[in-house]
Amino acid sequence: MKFLDELRSLDRNNIGGWPRSVKIFFTALVFLVVAFLGWYLKISDQQDELTTLAAKEDQLKQEFSQKQSKAINLDALQQQLDEMQDMLRQLLRQLPSRTEMPELLVDISQTALSAGLETELFQPGAEIPKDFYAEKPIQLKMIGTYHQFGTFISGVASLPRVVILTMHDVSLTPKDKDSHQLVLQGTVKTYRYLEDDEGGGKDAKLAKPTAGKSGGKP
């Protein structure tokens, strides 16, 4: 009761005249308020940091989940890629090589002759390197019947190596008004694979065969 009476009788304009017990009380009170404010501000900063870390944790968990999913599928994707590369190598091995191309052109010309076609023009052009193969354009003019052209195409398909002939600006017209013969004229292209020393580009380094060639003419 005495302490409460002292508080009621305090002179705000004469702090120095306050009783000692009251001074100690207010000093302790100020200290506690300052300490509480410091603690609150520190806890508030830590709470913000904790919230930021929690959000970062969620983000890292999502990234980990995505990377884990990709890692699980990586082996399967790599296996599929290896299988596709092997298939491409197998296909490339069936195309003519650099050393086989001259003989292949002779074989195509001889096949046309054997089919009964009259060859007025058979002129190979310069090769055009691509990613992992080279194009060989051939200007030609052949005369024969439908049956003879069919025999020629069948003969080319029967050659030891895979021969791909694509037509570019090729026309097939009757030789004469009353003739059963046709004139095939234009440019065809055949293809071969690039050797390791020909620098066929990045895809070529990946896809070109490394094993020896099988079949075909020596």
Protein backbone atom coordinates (compact mmCIF):
# COMPACT_ATOMS: atom_id res chain seq x y z
CA MET A 1 0.00 0.00 0.00
CA LYS A 2 2.86 2.35 0.84
CA PHE A 3 4.36 1.84 -2.66
CA LEU A 4 1.03 2.60 -4.33
CA ASP A 5 0.64 5.72 -2.21
CA GLU A 6 4.13 6.82 -3.30
CA LEU A 7 3.17 6.31 -6.96
CA ARG A 8 0.03 8.43 -6.54
CA SER A 9 1.96 11.23 -4.87
CA LEU A 10 4.74 11.48 -7.49
CA ASP A 11 5.66 14.92 -8.76
CA ARG A 12 6.30 14.58 -12.50
CA ASN A 13 8.21 17.83 -12.53
CA ASN A 14 10.60 16.68 -9.80
CA ILE A 15 11.86 13.25 -10.81
CA GLY A 16 14.92 13.69 -8.65
CA GLY A 17 12.69 13.89 -5.57
CA TRP A 18 11.01 10.54 -6.20
CA PRO A 19 11.50 7.84 -3.57
CA ARG A 20 14.30 5.38 -4.24
CA SER A 21 11.94 2.42 -4.54
CA VAL A 22 9.94 4.21 -7.24
CA LYS A 23 13.10 5.11 -9.16
CA ILE A 24 14.23 1.47 -9.07
CA PHE A 25 10.79 0.35 -10.25
CA PHE A 26 10.69 2.70 -13.25
CA THR A 27 14.31 1.91 -14.14
CA ALA A 28 13.52 -1.80 -14.17
CA LEU A 29 10.32 -1.13 -16.14
CA VAL A 30 12.19 0.86 -18.81
CA PHE A 31 14.82 -1.87 -19.02
CA LEU A 32 12.14 -4.54 -19.47
CA VAL A 33 10.35 -2.52 -22.18
CA VAL A 34 13.60 -1.96 -24.08
CA ALA A 35 14.53 -5.62 -23.71
CA PHE A 36 11.08 -6.71 -24.90
CA LEU A 37 11.24 -4.43 -27.96
CA GLY A 38 14.69 -5.76 -28.86
CA TRP A 39 13.52 -9.33 -28.44
CA TYR A 40 10.40 -8.68 -30.53
CA LEU A 41 12.35 -7.07 -33.36
CA LYS A 42 14.85 -9.93 -33.38
CA ILE A 43 12.09 -12.54 -33.38
CA SER A 44 10.32 -10.64 -36.16
CA ASP A 45 13.47 -10.68 -38.32
CA GLN A 46 13.97 -14.37 -37.62
CA GLN A 47 10.34 -15.04 -38.51
CA ASP A 48 10.79 -13.30 -41.86
CA GLU A 49 13.97 -15.26 -42.47
CA LEU A 50 12.20 -18.49 -41.51
CA THR A 51 9.38 -17.71 -43.96
CA THR A 52 11.93 -17.05 -46.72
CA LEU A 53 13.79 -20.26 -45.95
CA ALA A 54 10.54 -22.23 -45.95
CA ALA A 55 9.67 -20.86 -49.40
CA LYS A 56 13.20 -21.67 -50.61
CA GLU A 57 12.84 -25.19 -49.22
CA ASP A 58 9.61 -25.72 -51.18
CA GLN A 59 11.32 -24.45 -54.35
CA LEU A 60 14.30 -26.76 -53.83
CA LYS A 61 11.98 -29.70 -53.23
CA GLN A 62 10.20 -29.00 -56.52
CA GLU A 63 13.50 -28.66 -58.39
CA PHE A 64 14.77 -31.89 -56.84
CA SER A 65 11.56 -33.70 -57.79
CA GLN A 66 11.85 -32.48 -61.40
CA LYS A 67 15.54 -33.41 -61.67
CA GLN A 68 14.88 -36.79 -60.07
CA SER A 69 12.14 -37.45 -62.63
CA LYS A 70 14.50 -36.50 -65.46
CA ALA A 71 17.27 -38.66 -64.03
CA ILE A 72 14.92 -41.66 -63.87
CA ASN A 73 14.09 -41.24 -67.56
CA LEU A 74 17.65 -40.41 -68.62
CA ASP A 75 18.83 -44.01 -68.90
CA ALA A 76 15.81 -44.99 -70.99
CA LEU A 77 16.27 -41.98 -73.28
CA GLN A 78 19.98 -42.69 -73.66
CA GLN A 79 19.21 -46.29 -74.57
CA GLN A 80 16.71 -45.16 -77.21
CA LEU A 81 19.26 -42.73 -78.62
CA ASP A 82 21.91 -45.46 -78.79
CA GLU A 83 19.47 -47.77 -80.58
CA MET A 84 18.60 -45.07 -83.12
CA GLN A 85 22.29 -44.41 -83.76
CA ASP A 86 22.90 -48.12 -84.28
CA MET A 87 20.01 -48.29 -86.75
CA LEU A 88 21.39 -45.30 -88.64
CA ARG A 89 24.84 -46.89 -88.80
CA GLN A 90 23.32 -50.09 -90.16
CA LEU A 91 21.49 -48.14 -92.86
CA LEU A 92 24.60 -46.18 -93.77
CA ARG A 93 26.62 -49.37 -94.15
CA GLN A 94 24.24 -50.40 -96.90
CA LEU A 95 24.98 -47.30 -98.97
CA PRO A 96 27.94 -47.31 -101.36
CA SER A 97 31.30 -46.15 -100.05
CA ARG A 98 33.65 -43.67 -101.69
CA THR A 99 35.65 -46.42 -103.40
CA GLU A 100 32.52 -48.24 -104.54
CA MET A 101 30.82 -45.24 -106.15
CA PRO A 102 32.72 -45.29 -109.50
CA GLU A 103 32.00 -48.98 -109.98
CA LEU A 104 28.38 -48.43 -108.96
CA LEU A 105 27.95 -45.83 -111.70
CA VAL A 106 29.27 -48.36 -114.20
CA ASP A 107 26.84 -50.95 -112.84
CA ILE A 108 23.89 -48.56 -113.28
CA SER A 109 24.93 -47.80 -116.84
CA GLN A 110 25.39 -51.52 -117.61
CA THR A 111 21.99 -52.28 -116.06
CA ALA A 112 20.36 -49.78 -118.43
CA LEU A 113 22.15 -51.41 -121.38
CA SER A 114 21.09 -54.90 -120.26
CA ALA A 115 17.47 -53.73 -119.99
CA GLY A 116 17.58 -52.70 -123.65
CA LEU A 117 17.57 -48.97 -123.03
CA GLU A 118 19.38 -46.67 -125.41
CA THR A 119 21.55 -44.33 -123.34
CA GLU A 120 22.24 -41.07 -125.14
CA LEU A 121 23.55 -39.27 -122.05
CA PHE A 122 24.90 -40.55 -118.73
CA GLN A 123 27.02 -37.83 -117.16
CA PRO A 124 27.84 -37.93 -113.41
CA GLY A 125 28.36 -34.52 -111.80
CA ALA A 126 30.33 -33.31 -108.80
CA GLU A 127 29.39 -34.71 -105.41
CA ILE A 128 27.48 -32.54 -102.95
CA PRO A 129 28.44 -33.35 -99.32
CA LYS A 130 25.63 -33.28 -96.76
CA ASP A 131 25.65 -34.02 -93.01
CA PHE A 132 26.68 -37.66 -93.17
CA TYR A 133 26.23 -38.58 -96.82
CA ALA A 134 27.04 -37.19 -100.27
CA GLU A 135 24.75 -36.66 -103.25
CA LYS A 136 25.91 -37.65 -106.71
CA PRO A 137 23.86 -36.00 -109.47
CA ILE A 138 23.69 -37.73 -112.84
CA GLN A 139 22.41 -36.08 -115.99
CA LEU A 140 20.93 -38.66 -118.28
CA LYS A 141 18.84 -39.25 -121.35
CA MET A 142 17.54 -42.75 -122.00
CA ILE A 143 15.19 -44.12 -124.62
CA GLY A 144 13.11 -47.27 -124.25
CA THR A 145 9.70 -48.79 -123.61
CA TYR A 146 7.75 -48.93 -120.36
CA HIS A 147 8.78 -52.54 -119.97
CA GLN A 148 12.45 -51.74 -120.52
CA PHE A 149 12.36 -48.93 -117.95
CA GLY A 150 10.66 -51.29 -115.49
CA THR A 151 13.40 -53.87 -116.09
CA PHE A 152 16.04 -51.19 -115.53
CA ILE A 153 14.54 -50.09 -112.21
CA SER A 154 14.25 -53.70 -111.07
CA GLY A 155 17.88 -54.34 -112.04
CA VAL A 156 19.12 -51.30 -110.11
CA ALA A 157 17.19 -52.49 -107.04
CA SER A 158 18.94 -55.87 -107.32
CA LEU A 159 22.47 -54.44 -107.18
CA PRO A 160 24.56 -55.59 -104.16
CA ARG A 161 24.57 -52.17 -102.56
CA VAL A 162 21.47 -50.15 -101.67
CA VAL A 163 21.05 -47.72 -104.54
CA ILE A 164 18.73 -44.77 -104.00
CA LEU A 165 17.80 -42.87 -107.13
CA THR A 166 15.77 -39.69 -106.75
CA MET A 167 14.37 -37.80 -109.72
CA HIS A 168 14.93 -34.07 -110.14
CA ASP A 169 13.51 -32.17 -113.13
CA VAL A 170 12.99 -35.44 -114.97
CA SER A 171 10.56 -35.76 -117.87
CA LEU A 172 9.20 -38.89 -119.53
CA THR A 173 7.76 -38.20 -122.97
CA PRO A 174 6.98 -40.23 -126.11
CA LYS A 175 9.87 -40.33 -128.54
CA ASP A 176 7.65 -40.00 -131.59
CA LYS A 177 3.95 -39.62 -132.15
CA ASP A 178 3.47 -43.18 -133.37
CA SER A 179 6.29 -44.74 -131.36
CA HIS A 180 5.95 -46.97 -128.29
CA GLN A 181 9.29 -45.72 -127.05
CA LEU A 182 9.70 -43.11 -124.32
CA VAL A 183 12.43 -40.60 -123.61
CA LEU A 184 13.56 -40.22 -119.99
CA GLN A 185 15.56 -37.02 -119.61
CA GLY A 186 16.74 -35.01 -116.63
CA THR A 187 18.82 -35.39 -113.47
CA VAL A 188 18.78 -38.23 -110.98
CA LYS A 189 20.72 -38.37 -107.72
CA THR A 190 22.31 -41.31 -105.99
CA TYR A 191 23.93 -41.32 -102.57
CA ARG A 192 26.88 -42.69 -100.62
CA TYR A 193 27.99 -42.35 -97.02
CA LEU A 194 30.92 -40.13 -96.07
CA GLU A 195 34.12 -41.71 -94.79
CA ASP A 196 35.60 -40.80 -91.40
CA ASP A 197 38.31 -38.68 -93.03
CA GLU A 198 35.88 -36.61 -95.11
CA GLY A 199 34.59 -34.42 -92.28
CA GLY A 200 30.88 -34.84 -92.77
CA GLY A 201 29.93 -32.55 -89.87
CA LYS A 202 29.02 -33.22 -86.25
CA ASP A 203 26.16 -35.54 -87.16
CA ALA A 204 28.46 -37.49 -89.42
CA LYS A 205 30.95 -38.07 -86.59
CA LEU A 206 28.12 -39.46 -84.54
CA ALA A 207 26.47 -41.54 -87.22
CA LYS A 208 29.12 -42.74 -89.65
CA PRO A 209 29.83 -46.48 -89.41
CA THR A 210 33.03 -47.59 -87.76
CA ALA A 211 32.93 -51.24 -88.76
CA GLY A 212 34.07 -52.61 -92.09
CA LYS A 213 31.66 -52.77 -95.00
CA SER A 214 29.89 -56.03 -95.72
CA GLY A 215 28.69 -57.32 -99.06
CA GLY A 216 29.00 -55.58 -102.39
CA LYS A 217 31.93 -55.55 -104.70
CA PRO A 218 35.48 -55.35 -103.27
